[in-house]
N, C-alpha and C. Protein backbone atom coordinates (compact mmCIF):
# COMPACT_ATOMS: atom_id res chain seq x y z
N LYS A 1 11.10 47.77 -27.36
CA LYS A 1 12.14 46.94 -28.09
C LYS A 1 11.49 45.66 -28.40
N THR A 2 10.60 45.25 -28.04
CA THR A 2 10.40 43.88 -27.90
C THR A 2 9.94 43.71 -29.27
N LEU A 3 9.17 44.48 -30.38
CA LEU A 3 8.65 45.15 -31.18
C LEU A 3 10.58 44.91 -32.25
N HIS A 4 11.38 45.73 -32.18
CA HIS A 4 12.20 45.57 -32.54
C HIS A 4 13.07 44.26 -32.75
N ARG A 5 12.51 43.17 -31.87
CA ARG A 5 13.85 42.26 -32.13
C ARG A 5 12.50 41.24 -32.85
N PHE A 6 11.87 41.43 -32.82
CA PHE A 6 10.65 40.39 -33.87
C PHE A 6 10.44 40.60 -34.88
N LEU A 7 11.05 41.95 -35.10
CA LEU A 7 10.36 42.47 -37.17
C LEU A 7 11.25 41.24 -37.91
N PRO A 8 11.30 41.49 -38.76
CA PRO A 8 12.60 40.75 -39.88
C PRO A 8 13.40 41.44 -40.17
N PRO A 9 14.27 41.21 -40.49
CA PRO A 9 15.49 42.34 -40.86
C PRO A 9 15.04 43.00 -42.26
N PHE A 10 15.16 44.18 -42.75
CA PHE A 10 15.14 44.75 -43.82
C PHE A 10 15.88 43.75 -45.56
N SER A 11 14.85 44.01 -46.16
CA SER A 11 15.38 43.09 -47.37
C SER A 11 14.69 44.65 -48.66
N PRO A 12 15.50 45.16 -49.96
CA PRO A 12 15.41 46.32 -50.60
C PRO A 12 14.38 44.85 -51.66
N TYR A 13 13.36 46.29 -52.88
CA TYR A 13 12.76 45.49 -53.04
C TYR A 13 13.10 44.87 -54.52
N VAL A 14 14.43 46.16 -54.96
CA VAL A 14 15.32 45.56 -55.98
C VAL A 14 16.52 45.02 -55.34
N SER A 15 16.82 44.06 -56.05
CA SER A 15 17.94 43.98 -55.75
C SER A 15 19.01 44.20 -55.86
N THR A 16 20.75 44.40 -54.79
CA THR A 16 21.81 45.51 -54.60
C THR A 16 22.63 44.69 -56.46
N PRO A 17 22.36 43.51 -56.48
CA PRO A 17 23.93 43.20 -58.00
C PRO A 17 22.81 44.27 -58.99
N LEU A 18 21.25 43.98 -58.88
CA LEU A 18 20.92 44.61 -60.49
C LEU A 18 20.51 46.05 -60.53
N LEU A 19 21.52 47.35 -59.72
CA LEU A 19 21.25 48.39 -59.60
C LEU A 19 22.46 48.88 -60.57
N PRO A 20 23.23 48.58 -60.95
CA PRO A 20 24.47 49.07 -61.58
C PRO A 20 23.65 49.21 -63.06
N PHE A 21 23.12 47.57 -63.57
CA PHE A 21 22.80 47.38 -64.64
C PHE A 21 20.90 48.41 -64.98
N ILE A 22 20.23 48.35 -63.54
CA ILE A 22 18.74 49.46 -64.77
C ILE A 22 19.90 51.26 -64.37
N ALA A 23 20.40 51.61 -63.83
CA ALA A 23 21.46 52.95 -63.52
C ALA A 23 22.21 53.19 -65.11
N LEU A 24 22.11 51.84 -65.95
CA LEU A 24 22.50 51.83 -67.00
C LEU A 24 21.82 52.14 -68.29
N VAL A 25 20.61 51.58 -68.00
CA VAL A 25 19.25 51.29 -68.84
C VAL A 25 18.42 52.93 -68.47
N LEU A 26 18.40 53.51 -67.68
CA LEU A 26 17.64 54.37 -67.16
C LEU A 26 18.23 55.21 -67.78
N LEU A 27 20.01 55.71 -67.24
CA LEU A 27 20.87 56.53 -67.47
C LEU A 27 20.76 56.98 -69.28
N SER A 28 20.79 55.79 -69.99
CA SER A 28 21.04 55.68 -71.19
C SER A 28 20.05 55.97 -72.13
N SER A 29 18.45 55.68 -71.57
CA SER A 29 17.13 55.70 -72.40
C SER A 29 16.97 57.49 -72.13
N THR A 30 17.33 57.66 -70.88
CA THR A 30 17.56 59.61 -70.71
C THR A 30 18.20 60.23 -71.78
N PHE A 31 19.42 59.76 -72.42
CA PHE A 31 20.22 60.80 -73.39
C PHE A 31 20.07 60.26 -74.76
N ALA A 32 19.45 59.07 -74.70
CA ALA A 32 18.43 58.62 -76.00
C ALA A 32 17.38 59.79 -76.22
N LEU A 33 16.51 59.92 -75.10
CA LEU A 33 15.40 60.73 -75.74
C LEU A 33 15.86 62.42 -75.76
N ALA A 34 16.87 62.80 -74.77
CA ALA A 34 17.27 64.05 -74.87
C ALA A 34 18.07 64.64 -76.85
N PHE A 35 18.40 63.24 -76.58
CA PHE A 35 19.12 63.11 -78.50
C PHE A 35 17.78 63.98 -79.29
N TYR A 36 16.55 63.24 -79.06
CA TYR A 36 15.60 62.54 -79.88
C TYR A 36 14.40 63.91 -79.54
N PHE A 37 14.36 64.46 -78.14
CA PHE A 37 14.11 65.81 -78.06
C PHE A 37 14.37 67.13 -79.03
N SER A 38 16.02 66.71 -79.02
CA SER A 38 16.52 67.79 -79.68
C SER A 38 16.51 68.25 -80.74
N THR A 39 16.00 66.87 -82.13
CA THR A 39 15.35 66.42 -82.78
C THR A 39 13.92 67.11 -83.87
N LEU A 40 12.77 66.78 -82.32
CA LEU A 40 11.39 67.30 -82.47
C LEU A 40 11.48 68.51 -83.23
N PRO A 41 10.24 69.18 -84.32
CA PRO A 41 9.62 70.30 -84.58
C PRO A 41 9.14 70.79 -83.53
N LYS A 42 9.63 72.14 -83.44
CA LYS A 42 9.06 73.06 -82.37
C LYS A 42 7.63 73.09 -82.58
N THR A 43 6.59 72.73 -83.70
CA THR A 43 5.56 72.93 -83.87
C THR A 43 4.45 72.12 -83.07
N ALA A 44 5.26 70.98 -82.19
CA ALA A 44 4.42 70.39 -81.53
C ALA A 44 4.53 70.17 -80.23
N PRO A 45 4.20 71.32 -78.60
CA PRO A 45 4.17 71.28 -77.87
C PRO A 45 3.45 70.09 -77.14
N VAL A 46 3.06 69.92 -77.70
CA VAL A 46 3.08 68.61 -76.09
C VAL A 46 3.25 67.97 -76.31
N ARG A 47 3.91 67.29 -77.81
CA ARG A 47 4.93 65.72 -78.02
C ARG A 47 6.13 66.25 -76.80
N GLU A 48 6.51 67.69 -77.24
CA GLU A 48 7.68 67.48 -76.37
C GLU A 48 7.76 67.91 -74.94
N LEU A 49 6.60 68.70 -74.73
CA LEU A 49 6.70 68.52 -72.70
C LEU A 49 6.46 66.69 -72.92
N GLY A 50 5.94 66.08 -73.18
CA GLY A 50 6.15 64.76 -72.86
C GLY A 50 6.97 63.99 -72.98
N VAL A 51 8.39 63.89 -73.99
CA VAL A 51 9.06 63.13 -74.13
C VAL A 51 9.36 63.76 -73.44
N ALA A 52 10.03 65.25 -72.48
CA ALA A 52 11.38 65.97 -72.00
C ALA A 52 10.86 65.31 -70.23
N LEU A 53 9.18 65.53 -70.49
CA LEU A 53 9.37 64.85 -69.15
C LEU A 53 9.46 63.44 -68.05
N LEU A 54 9.25 62.48 -69.49
CA LEU A 54 9.38 61.55 -69.36
C LEU A 54 11.34 60.84 -70.07
N ALA A 55 12.48 61.74 -70.20
CA ALA A 55 13.43 62.20 -69.65
C ALA A 55 13.99 61.95 -68.92
N SER A 56 13.19 63.45 -67.61
CA SER A 56 13.17 63.42 -66.46
C SER A 56 13.04 62.44 -65.07
N VAL A 57 12.28 61.84 -65.37
CA VAL A 57 12.46 60.77 -65.08
C VAL A 57 12.70 60.12 -64.63
N LEU A 58 13.32 59.44 -66.26
CA LEU A 58 13.93 57.94 -66.21
C LEU A 58 15.24 58.79 -65.52
N GLY A 59 15.80 59.88 -65.82
CA GLY A 59 17.08 60.88 -65.23
C GLY A 59 16.76 60.78 -63.40
N GLY A 60 15.77 60.72 -63.47
CA GLY A 60 15.35 61.27 -61.36
C GLY A 60 15.92 59.64 -61.01
N PHE A 61 14.97 58.75 -61.27
CA PHE A 61 15.52 57.22 -61.03
C PHE A 61 17.02 56.94 -61.35
N GLY A 62 17.52 56.88 -62.22
CA GLY A 62 18.59 56.41 -62.89
C GLY A 62 19.86 57.42 -62.38
N VAL A 63 19.72 58.27 -61.59
CA VAL A 63 20.78 58.49 -60.70
C VAL A 63 20.83 58.20 -59.22
N VAL A 64 19.48 57.75 -58.92
CA VAL A 64 19.21 57.70 -57.59
C VAL A 64 19.36 56.05 -57.32
N ALA A 65 19.48 55.07 -58.47
CA ALA A 65 19.54 54.03 -58.57
C ALA A 65 21.38 53.80 -59.09
N LEU A 66 22.06 54.77 -59.25
CA LEU A 66 23.35 54.83 -60.27
C LEU A 66 24.42 54.98 -58.35
N PHE A 67 23.64 56.36 -57.23
CA PHE A 67 24.43 56.94 -55.97
C PHE A 67 23.68 55.42 -56.00
N CYS A 68 23.08 54.39 -55.08
CA CYS A 68 22.70 53.29 -54.61
C CYS A 68 23.44 52.45 -55.23
N SER A 69 24.17 52.39 -56.46
CA SER A 69 25.10 50.97 -56.47
C SER A 69 26.06 51.59 -56.09
N VAL A 70 26.88 52.69 -56.15
CA VAL A 70 27.78 52.64 -55.63
C VAL A 70 27.88 53.24 -54.15
N GLY A 71 26.94 52.66 -53.27
CA GLY A 71 27.44 52.56 -52.33
C GLY A 71 26.71 53.56 -51.28
N VAL A 72 25.77 55.29 -51.26
CA VAL A 72 25.50 56.28 -51.80
C VAL A 72 24.39 55.94 -51.56
N TYR A 73 23.19 55.48 -50.00
CA TYR A 73 21.95 55.23 -50.53
C TYR A 73 21.40 56.33 -49.41
N VAL A 74 20.06 56.48 -50.88
CA VAL A 74 19.76 58.43 -51.13
C VAL A 74 18.24 57.79 -50.56
């Protein structure tokens, strides 16, 4: 209990007012990459995998940022 009293309060690494902007940027880039993925020729599976992986990661972080910006802290 004494340790709890002397620790500083929690402060997030990313400022809370920036979360809606971060969510917008990440989710917009996800949709742009999804469109780009749909126009790629099907002869380059490595490139398809890279674009799909990047879009998936950006979408995951974008959804978490969106949830946190509306008050659902996951």
